[in-house]
C-alpha atoms as a PDB file:
ATOM      1  CA  MET A   1      57.118   2.952 -53.019  1.00  0.00           C
ATOM      2  CA  SER A   2      55.369   0.575 -50.630  1.00  0.00           C
ATOM      3  CA  GLN A   3      56.885  -0.563 -47.357  1.00  0.00           C
ATOM      4  CA  TRP A   4      56.160  -3.110 -44.639  1.00  0.00           C
ATOM      5  CA  ILE A   5      54.155  -1.652 -41.747  1.00  0.00           C
ATOM      6  CA  ASN A   6      54.043  -3.196 -38.272  1.00  0.00           C
ATOM      7  CA  ILE A   7      50.454  -3.962 -37.254  1.00  0.00           C
ATOM      8  CA  CYS A   8      50.633  -6.043 -34.070  1.00  0.00           C
ATOM      9  CA  ASP A   9      52.541  -8.784 -32.282  1.00  0.00           C
ATOM     10  CA  ILE A  10      51.907 -12.293 -33.674  1.00  0.00           C
ATOM     11  CA  ASN A  11      50.832 -13.379 -30.177  1.00  0.00           C
ATOM     12  CA  ASP A  12      48.027 -10.793 -30.286  1.00  0.00           C
ATOM     13  CA  ILE A  13      46.238 -13.049 -32.800  1.00  0.00           C
ATOM     14  CA  ILE A  14      44.930 -16.279 -31.306  1.00  0.00           C
ATOM     15  CA  PRO A  15      45.555 -19.206 -33.682  1.00  0.00           C
ATOM     16  CA  ALA A  16      42.516 -20.111 -35.857  1.00  0.00           C
ATOM     17  CA  THR A  17      41.097 -16.576 -35.602  1.00  0.00           C
ATOM     18  CA  GLY A  18      41.232 -13.205 -37.297  1.00  0.00           C
ATOM     19  CA  VAL A  19      41.521  -9.589 -36.199  1.00  0.00           C
ATOM     20  CA  CYS A  20      40.711  -6.277 -37.839  1.00  0.00           C
ATOM     21  CA  ALA A  21      43.329  -3.571 -38.311  1.00  0.00           C
ATOM     22  CA  LEU A  22      43.521  -0.238 -40.085  1.00  0.00           C
ATOM     23  CA  LEU A  23      46.014   0.188 -42.893  1.00  0.00           C
ATOM     24  CA  GLY A  24      45.708   3.868 -43.646  1.00  0.00           C
ATOM     25  CA  SER A  25      41.933   4.247 -44.000  1.00  0.00           C
ATOM     26  CA  GLU A  26      41.300   0.646 -45.106  1.00  0.00           C
ATOM     27  CA  GLN A  27      39.937  -2.045 -42.781  1.00  0.00           C
ATOM     28  CA  VAL A  28      42.011  -5.198 -43.161  1.00  0.00           C
ATOM     29  CA  ALA A  29      41.123  -8.645 -41.796  1.00  0.00           C
ATOM     30  CA  ILE A  30      44.277 -10.475 -40.694  1.00  0.00           C
ATOM     31  CA  PHE A  31      44.075 -14.232 -40.118  1.00  0.00           C
ATOM     32  CA  ARG A  32      46.363 -16.665 -38.288  1.00  0.00           C
ATOM     33  CA  PRO A  33      44.980 -20.077 -39.287  1.00  0.00           C
ATOM     34  CA  ARG A  34      47.386 -22.261 -37.302  1.00  0.00           C
ATOM     35  CA  HIS A  35      49.751 -22.221 -34.332  1.00  0.00           C
ATOM     36  CA  ASP A  36      52.640 -21.124 -36.550  1.00  0.00           C
ATOM     37  CA  GLU A  37      53.549 -17.662 -37.813  1.00  0.00           C
ATOM     38  CA  GLN A  38      51.755 -17.830 -41.171  1.00  0.00           C
ATOM     39  CA  VAL A  39      49.315 -14.934 -41.638  1.00  0.00           C
ATOM     40  CA  PHE A  40      46.958 -13.816 -44.404  1.00  0.00           C
ATOM     41  CA  ALA A  41      45.229 -10.494 -45.009  1.00  0.00           C
ATOM     42  CA  ILE A  42      42.147  -9.525 -47.008  1.00  0.00           C
ATOM     43  CA  SER A  43      39.663  -6.668 -46.873  1.00  0.00           C
ATOM     44  CA  ASN A  44      37.429  -6.755 -43.810  1.00  0.00           C
ATOM     45  CA  ILE A  45      34.404  -5.608 -45.859  1.00  0.00           C
ATOM     46  CA  ASP A  46      31.911  -8.283 -46.934  1.00  0.00           C
ATOM     47  CA  PRO A  47      31.124  -7.196 -50.524  1.00  0.00           C
ATOM     48  CA  PHE A  48      27.642  -8.729 -50.458  1.00  0.00           C
ATOM     49  CA  PHE A  49      26.476  -6.617 -47.502  1.00  0.00           C
ATOM     50  CA  GLU A  50      29.051  -3.784 -47.301  1.00  0.00           C
ATOM     51  CA  ALA A  51      29.543  -4.786 -43.656  1.00  0.00           C
ATOM     52  CA  SER A  52      32.835  -4.828 -41.727  1.00  0.00           C
ATOM     53  CA  VAL A  53      32.691  -8.464 -40.605  1.00  0.00           C
ATOM     54  CA  LEU A  54      35.144 -10.748 -42.413  1.00  0.00           C
ATOM     55  CA  SER A  55      37.697 -10.681 -39.560  1.00  0.00           C
ATOM     56  CA  ARG A  56      35.060 -12.453 -37.443  1.00  0.00           C
ATOM     57  CA  GLY A  57      34.498 -15.181 -40.029  1.00  0.00           C
ATOM     58  CA  LEU A  58      35.288 -18.858 -39.678  1.00  0.00           C
ATOM     59  CA  ILE A  59      38.510 -20.142 -41.216  1.00  0.00           C
ATOM     60  CA  ALA A  60      38.038 -23.326 -43.227  1.00  0.00           C
ATOM     61  CA  GLU A  61      40.138 -25.497 -45.509  1.00  0.00           C
ATOM     62  CA  HIS A  62      38.725 -26.749 -48.804  1.00  0.00           C
ATOM     63  CA  GLN A  63      40.756 -28.815 -51.272  1.00  0.00           C
ATOM     64  CA  GLY A  64      43.995 -27.752 -49.583  1.00  0.00           C
ATOM     65  CA  GLU A  65      43.240 -24.034 -49.685  1.00  0.00           C
ATOM     66  CA  LEU A  66      42.349 -21.738 -46.790  1.00  0.00           C
ATOM     67  CA  TRP A  67      39.140 -19.706 -46.896  1.00  0.00           C
ATOM     68  CA  VAL A  68      37.185 -17.511 -44.500  1.00  0.00           C
ATOM     69  CA  ALA A  69      33.390 -17.792 -44.361  1.00  0.00           C
ATOM     70  CA  SER A  70      31.566 -14.520 -43.801  1.00  0.00           C
ATOM     71  CA  PRO A  71      29.596 -14.541 -40.545  1.00  0.00           C
ATOM     72  CA  LEU A  72      26.579 -13.117 -42.402  1.00  0.00           C
ATOM     73  CA  LYS A  73      25.598 -15.468 -45.238  1.00  0.00           C
ATOM     74  CA  LYS A  74      28.681 -17.734 -45.182  1.00  0.00           C
ATOM     75  CA  GLN A  75      30.128 -16.825 -48.586  1.00  0.00           C
ATOM     76  CA  ARG A  76      33.739 -18.004 -48.560  1.00  0.00           C
ATOM     77  CA  PHE A  77      36.715 -15.882 -49.567  1.00  0.00           C
ATOM     78  CA  SER A  78      40.178 -17.233 -50.363  1.00  0.00           C
ATOM     79  CA  LEU A  79      42.848 -16.129 -47.921  1.00  0.00           C
ATOM     80  CA  THR A  80      45.473 -16.304 -50.667  1.00  0.00           C
ATOM     81  CA  ASP A  81      43.850 -14.015 -53.242  1.00  0.00           C
ATOM     82  CA  GLY A  82      40.429 -12.815 -52.006  1.00  0.00           C
ATOM     83  CA  ARG A  83      38.246 -14.547 -54.612  1.00  0.00           C
ATOM     84  CA  CYS A  84      34.766 -15.710 -53.641  1.00  0.00           C
ATOM     85  CA  MET A  85      34.110 -19.451 -53.865  1.00  0.00           C
ATOM     86  CA  GLU A  86      30.362 -19.036 -54.435  1.00  0.00           C
ATOM     87  CA  ASP A  87      30.504 -16.234 -57.031  1.00  0.00           C
ATOM     88  CA  GLU A  88      33.466 -16.014 -59.414  1.00  0.00           C
ATOM     89  CA  ASN A  89      32.529 -12.408 -60.270  1.00  0.00           C
ATOM     90  CA  VAL A  90      33.128 -11.225 -56.687  1.00  0.00           C
ATOM     91  CA  SER A  91      36.342 -10.863 -54.736  1.00  0.00           C
ATOM     92  CA  VAL A  92      37.829  -8.826 -51.908  1.00  0.00           C
ATOM     93  CA  LYS A  93      41.165  -7.058 -51.879  1.00  0.00           C
ATOM     94  CA  HIS A  94      44.156  -9.160 -50.805  1.00  0.00           C
ATOM     95  CA  TYR A  95      47.123  -7.697 -48.918  1.00  0.00           C
ATOM     96  CA  ASP A  96      50.697  -8.943 -48.641  1.00  0.00           C
ATOM     97  CA  ALA A  97      51.251 -10.049 -45.039  1.00  0.00           C
ATOM     98  CA  ARG A  98      54.156 -11.545 -43.130  1.00  0.00           C
ATOM     99  CA  VAL A  99      55.636 -11.996 -39.672  1.00  0.00           C
ATOM    100  CA  LYS A 100      59.065 -10.543 -39.018  1.00  0.00           C
ATOM    101  CA  ASP A 101      60.750 -10.572 -35.616  1.00  0.00           C
ATOM    102  CA  GLY A 102      57.434 -11.529 -34.021  1.00  0.00           C
ATOM    103  CA  LYS A 103      55.541  -8.611 -35.592  1.00  0.00           C
ATOM    104  CA  VAL A 104      52.694  -8.981 -38.076  1.00  0.00           C
ATOM    105  CA  GLN A 105      53.383  -6.690 -41.010  1.00  0.00           C
ATOM    106  CA  LEU A 106      51.323  -5.577 -43.984  1.00  0.00           C
ATOM    107  CA  LYS A 107      52.700  -4.069 -47.150  1.00  0.00           C
ATOM    108  CA  GLY A 108      51.304  -0.569 -47.392  1.00  0.00           C
END
């Protein structure tokens, strides 16, 4: 049975940025796109280069959807489900994320 796991305080994530956290042995990129308490979480591993860099990517909005562009070759990954905009055959793992009582939580 999965449960919600506290990761950090929401104020530890500067709006319009991402951070990397460990969920068990998995690197997770957590993003706070705006000045509110909405957060998103995907794998931190860029599948094109097997590099731990997605948390340092740029958050962008395209056609009303939020994406993060990898800092390496700028492939964009959806923050809602992890799919790659440039290659429909590639995606990264998506994690359930929320803020409760000021704490960012991931479902583990």
